[in-house]
Amino acid sequence: MLEHIGFIGLGVMGRPMAGHLLAAGHRLTVHNRSRAAIDELVTAGAQAGASPAGVARQSDIVITMLPDTPDVESVIAGPGGRRVRSG
C-alpha cells in the first residue's frame, strides 16, 4: 500500500508535483494559503487539510514546497503549524 502523503505549498511547482503523486495512486492531503489550488486537487481526489498540523496528523510523509525560510518556519512552528521534535 502506498503511503499517505501530505503536501503543503501548491504554487507553480507544488501543484503539479502533488498532481503527479495523485496520478501515481498515493493518498494525498493538501494545504495551501489560497483555496483555488486546494479545490483543484480535491476535485482530482486529494483531501483538504485544514491546517499544516492537520496535514501532518493525517500523513505518513509531509512534503513542503514553500518559497523561503520564513514560510517554512511559519508552517512548522507558527499558529496552526506543527513542531517536530527529534530524539
N, C-alpha and C. Protein backbone atom coordinates (compact mmCIF):
# COMPACT_ATOMS: atom_id res chain seq x y z
N MET A 1 0.84 -1.18 0.00
CA MET A 1 0.00 0.00 0.00
C MET A 1 0.89 1.25 0.00
N LEU A 2 0.54 2.21 -0.79
CA LEU A 2 1.32 3.45 -0.87
C LEU A 2 1.06 4.32 0.36
N GLU A 3 2.07 5.11 0.72
CA GLU A 3 1.95 5.99 1.88
C GLU A 3 0.91 7.08 1.65
N HIS A 4 0.40 7.59 2.77
CA HIS A 4 -0.46 8.77 2.75
C HIS A 4 0.47 9.98 2.83
N ILE A 5 0.46 10.80 1.81
CA ILE A 5 1.39 11.92 1.71
C ILE A 5 0.66 13.22 1.98
N GLY A 6 1.28 14.07 2.77
CA GLY A 6 0.80 15.44 2.97
C GLY A 6 1.64 16.36 2.10
N PHE A 7 0.98 17.34 1.49
CA PHE A 7 1.69 18.27 0.62
C PHE A 7 1.25 19.67 0.98
N ILE A 8 2.21 20.51 1.38
CA ILE A 8 1.93 21.88 1.80
C ILE A 8 2.68 22.82 0.86
N GLY A 9 1.94 23.67 0.19
CA GLY A 9 2.51 24.61 -0.77
C GLY A 9 2.19 24.18 -2.19
N LEU A 10 1.13 24.74 -2.74
CA LEU A 10 0.62 24.30 -4.05
C LEU A 10 0.75 25.41 -5.09
N GLY A 11 1.93 25.98 -5.16
CA GLY A 11 2.19 27.03 -6.13
C GLY A 11 2.61 26.48 -7.48
N VAL A 12 3.43 27.23 -8.16
CA VAL A 12 3.86 26.89 -9.52
C VAL A 12 4.49 25.50 -9.59
N MET A 13 5.30 25.14 -8.60
CA MET A 13 5.94 23.81 -8.60
C MET A 13 5.13 22.79 -7.81
N GLY A 14 4.56 23.21 -6.69
CA GLY A 14 3.89 22.27 -5.80
C GLY A 14 2.63 21.64 -6.37
N ARG A 15 1.80 22.43 -7.03
CA ARG A 15 0.54 21.89 -7.56
C ARG A 15 0.79 20.76 -8.57
N PRO A 16 1.68 20.94 -9.57
CA PRO A 16 1.91 19.82 -10.49
C PRO A 16 2.54 18.61 -9.80
N MET A 17 3.44 18.85 -8.85
CA MET A 17 4.07 17.73 -8.15
C MET A 17 3.02 16.93 -7.38
N ALA A 18 2.13 17.63 -6.69
CA ALA A 18 1.05 16.96 -5.96
C ALA A 18 0.15 16.19 -6.92
N GLY A 19 -0.13 16.77 -8.07
CA GLY A 19 -0.94 16.09 -9.08
C GLY A 19 -0.30 14.80 -9.55
N HIS A 20 1.01 14.78 -9.71
CA HIS A 20 1.72 13.57 -10.13
C HIS A 20 1.63 12.49 -9.05
N LEU A 21 1.69 12.89 -7.79
CA LEU A 21 1.55 11.92 -6.70
C LEU A 21 0.17 11.28 -6.72
N LEU A 22 -0.85 12.10 -6.94
CA LEU A 22 -2.21 11.56 -7.07
C LEU A 22 -2.31 10.60 -8.24
N ALA A 23 -1.76 10.99 -9.36
CA ALA A 23 -1.81 10.15 -10.56
C ALA A 23 -1.09 8.81 -10.35
N ALA A 24 -0.11 8.80 -9.46
CA ALA A 24 0.63 7.57 -9.16
C ALA A 24 -0.11 6.70 -8.15
N GLY A 25 -1.24 7.18 -7.64
CA GLY A 25 -2.07 6.38 -6.74
C GLY A 25 -1.90 6.65 -5.26
N HIS A 26 -1.11 7.66 -4.90
CA HIS A 26 -0.94 7.96 -3.48
C HIS A 26 -2.18 8.63 -2.91
N ARG A 27 -2.44 8.35 -1.63
CA ARG A 27 -3.45 9.12 -0.90
C ARG A 27 -2.77 10.43 -0.53
N LEU A 28 -3.46 11.55 -0.73
CA LEU A 28 -2.83 12.86 -0.59
C LEU A 28 -3.73 13.81 0.18
N THR A 29 -3.14 14.49 1.16
CA THR A 29 -3.82 15.58 1.87
C THR A 29 -3.03 16.84 1.59
N VAL A 30 -3.71 17.90 1.18
CA VAL A 30 -3.04 19.12 0.73
C VAL A 30 -3.47 20.34 1.54
N HIS A 31 -2.56 21.31 1.60
CA HIS A 31 -2.86 22.60 2.25
C HIS A 31 -2.10 23.69 1.50
N ASN A 32 -2.73 24.85 1.42
CA ASN A 32 -2.15 25.99 0.72
C ASN A 32 -2.81 27.25 1.26
N ARG A 33 -2.15 28.39 1.10
CA ARG A 33 -2.75 29.66 1.54
C ARG A 33 -3.98 30.02 0.71
N SER A 34 -3.92 29.79 -0.60
CA SER A 34 -5.08 30.11 -1.43
C SER A 34 -5.91 28.85 -1.68
N ARG A 35 -7.21 29.01 -1.66
CA ARG A 35 -8.13 27.87 -1.73
C ARG A 35 -8.23 27.25 -3.13
N ALA A 36 -8.03 28.03 -4.18
CA ALA A 36 -8.23 27.52 -5.55
C ALA A 36 -7.36 26.30 -5.84
N ALA A 37 -6.11 26.33 -5.43
CA ALA A 37 -5.21 25.20 -5.67
C ALA A 37 -5.67 23.97 -4.91
N ILE A 38 -6.15 24.17 -3.69
CA ILE A 38 -6.67 23.05 -2.89
C ILE A 38 -7.86 22.43 -3.61
N ASP A 39 -8.81 23.28 -4.02
CA ASP A 39 -10.03 22.79 -4.66
C ASP A 39 -9.72 22.00 -5.93
N GLU A 40 -8.75 22.45 -6.71
CA GLU A 40 -8.37 21.74 -7.93
C GLU A 40 -7.90 20.32 -7.62
N LEU A 41 -7.08 20.18 -6.59
CA LEU A 41 -6.56 18.86 -6.24
C LEU A 41 -7.60 17.99 -5.54
N VAL A 42 -8.49 18.60 -4.77
CA VAL A 42 -9.58 17.84 -4.15
C VAL A 42 -10.48 17.26 -5.25
N THR A 43 -10.74 18.03 -6.29
CA THR A 43 -11.52 17.53 -7.42
C THR A 43 -10.84 16.33 -8.07
N ALA A 44 -9.51 16.31 -8.04
CA ALA A 44 -8.75 15.21 -8.63
C ALA A 44 -8.59 14.02 -7.68
N GLY A 45 -9.05 14.16 -6.42
CA GLY A 45 -9.01 13.04 -5.49
C GLY A 45 -8.27 13.24 -4.19
N ALA A 46 -7.67 14.40 -3.99
CA ALA A 46 -6.96 14.68 -2.73
C ALA A 46 -7.95 15.03 -1.63
N GLN A 47 -7.47 15.02 -0.40
CA GLN A 47 -8.22 15.53 0.74
C GLN A 47 -7.68 16.91 1.08
N ALA A 48 -8.53 17.80 1.56
CA ALA A 48 -8.09 19.12 2.00
C ALA A 48 -7.71 19.06 3.47
N GLY A 49 -6.54 19.61 3.80
CA GLY A 49 -6.13 19.73 5.19
C GLY A 49 -6.50 21.11 5.70
N ALA A 50 -7.06 21.18 6.90
CA ALA A 50 -7.49 22.46 7.46
C ALA A 50 -6.33 23.35 7.88
N SER A 51 -5.18 22.74 8.17
CA SER A 51 -4.00 23.47 8.63
C SER A 51 -2.78 22.61 8.34
N PRO A 52 -1.58 23.20 8.45
CA PRO A 52 -0.38 22.37 8.31
C PRO A 52 -0.34 21.24 9.34
N ALA A 53 -0.76 21.53 10.57
CA ALA A 53 -0.77 20.49 11.60
C ALA A 53 -1.77 19.38 11.24
N GLY A 54 -2.91 19.76 10.68
CA GLY A 54 -3.89 18.78 10.26
C GLY A 54 -3.35 17.88 9.17
N VAL A 55 -2.60 18.46 8.23
CA VAL A 55 -1.98 17.66 7.18
C VAL A 55 -0.99 16.66 7.80
N ALA A 56 -0.17 17.13 8.72
CA ALA A 56 0.83 16.26 9.35
C ALA A 56 0.18 15.11 10.11
N ARG A 57 -0.91 15.39 10.82
CA ARG A 57 -1.59 14.34 11.60
C ARG A 57 -2.13 13.23 10.70
N GLN A 58 -2.50 13.55 9.47
CA GLN A 58 -3.11 12.57 8.57
C GLN A 58 -2.10 11.87 7.66
N SER A 59 -0.83 12.22 7.75
CA SER A 59 0.14 11.79 6.74
C SER A 59 1.29 10.98 7.31
N ASP A 60 1.78 10.04 6.49
CA ASP A 60 2.99 9.31 6.82
C ASP A 60 4.23 10.13 6.46
N ILE A 61 4.11 10.90 5.40
CA ILE A 61 5.19 11.73 4.87
C ILE A 61 4.60 13.11 4.58
N VAL A 62 5.35 14.18 4.88
CA VAL A 62 4.90 15.53 4.54
C VAL A 62 5.95 16.19 3.65
N ILE A 63 5.50 16.71 2.53
CA ILE A 63 6.36 17.45 1.60
C ILE A 63 5.94 18.91 1.67
N THR A 64 6.92 19.80 1.79
CA THR A 64 6.63 21.23 1.71
C THR A 64 7.30 21.79 0.46
N MET A 65 6.59 22.64 -0.24
CA MET A 65 7.13 23.31 -1.43
C MET A 65 6.80 24.80 -1.22
N LEU A 66 7.66 25.44 -0.43
CA LEU A 66 7.41 26.80 0.03
C LEU A 66 8.51 27.74 -0.46
N PRO A 67 8.18 29.04 -0.61
CA PRO A 67 9.12 29.97 -1.24
C PRO A 67 10.42 30.25 -0.48
N ASP A 68 10.35 30.42 0.85
CA ASP A 68 11.60 30.70 1.55
C ASP A 68 11.48 30.42 3.05
N THR A 69 12.55 30.67 3.77
CA THR A 69 12.68 30.28 5.17
C THR A 69 11.54 30.78 6.07
N PRO A 70 11.11 32.04 6.00
CA PRO A 70 10.01 32.46 6.88
C PRO A 70 8.72 31.66 6.65
N ASP A 71 8.47 31.28 5.41
CA ASP A 71 7.28 30.48 5.12
C ASP A 71 7.40 29.09 5.73
N VAL A 72 8.57 28.50 5.63
CA VAL A 72 8.80 27.17 6.22
C VAL A 72 8.66 27.25 7.74
N GLU A 73 9.25 28.27 8.36
CA GLU A 73 9.15 28.43 9.81
C GLU A 73 7.70 28.60 10.24
N SER A 74 6.92 29.34 9.49
CA SER A 74 5.52 29.55 9.82
C SER A 74 4.74 28.25 9.76
N VAL A 75 4.98 27.44 8.74
CA VAL A 75 4.27 26.17 8.58
C VAL A 75 4.64 25.20 9.70
N ILE A 76 5.91 25.17 10.08
CA ILE A 76 6.35 24.21 11.08
C ILE A 76 6.06 24.68 12.50
N ALA A 77 6.30 25.94 12.80
CA ALA A 77 6.23 26.39 14.19
C ALA A 77 5.21 27.50 14.44
N GLY A 78 4.56 28.00 13.42
CA GLY A 78 3.61 29.09 13.59
C GLY A 78 2.25 28.62 14.03
N PRO A 79 1.31 29.55 14.18
CA PRO A 79 -0.06 29.17 14.53
C PRO A 79 -0.61 28.19 13.48
N GLY A 80 -1.13 27.07 13.95
CA GLY A 80 -1.65 26.06 13.04
C GLY A 80 -0.58 25.13 12.50
N GLY A 81 0.68 25.41 12.86
CA GLY A 81 1.78 24.56 12.42
C GLY A 81 1.98 23.41 13.37
N ARG A 82 3.01 22.66 13.14
CA ARG A 82 3.29 21.50 13.98
C ARG A 82 4.77 21.47 14.27
N ARG A 83 5.12 21.60 15.52
CA ARG A 83 6.52 21.49 15.90
C ARG A 83 6.97 20.04 15.81
N VAL A 84 8.10 19.83 15.21
CA VAL A 84 8.64 18.50 15.08
C VAL A 84 9.80 18.37 16.07
N ARG A 85 9.75 17.37 16.90
CA ARG A 85 10.81 17.15 17.88
C ARG A 85 11.55 15.88 17.50
N SER A 86 12.84 15.94 17.60
CA SER A 86 13.63 14.73 17.32
C SER A 86 14.16 14.17 18.63
N GLY A 87 14.53 12.90 18.59
CA GLY A 87 15.16 12.29 19.74
C GLY A 87 14.31 11.48 20.58
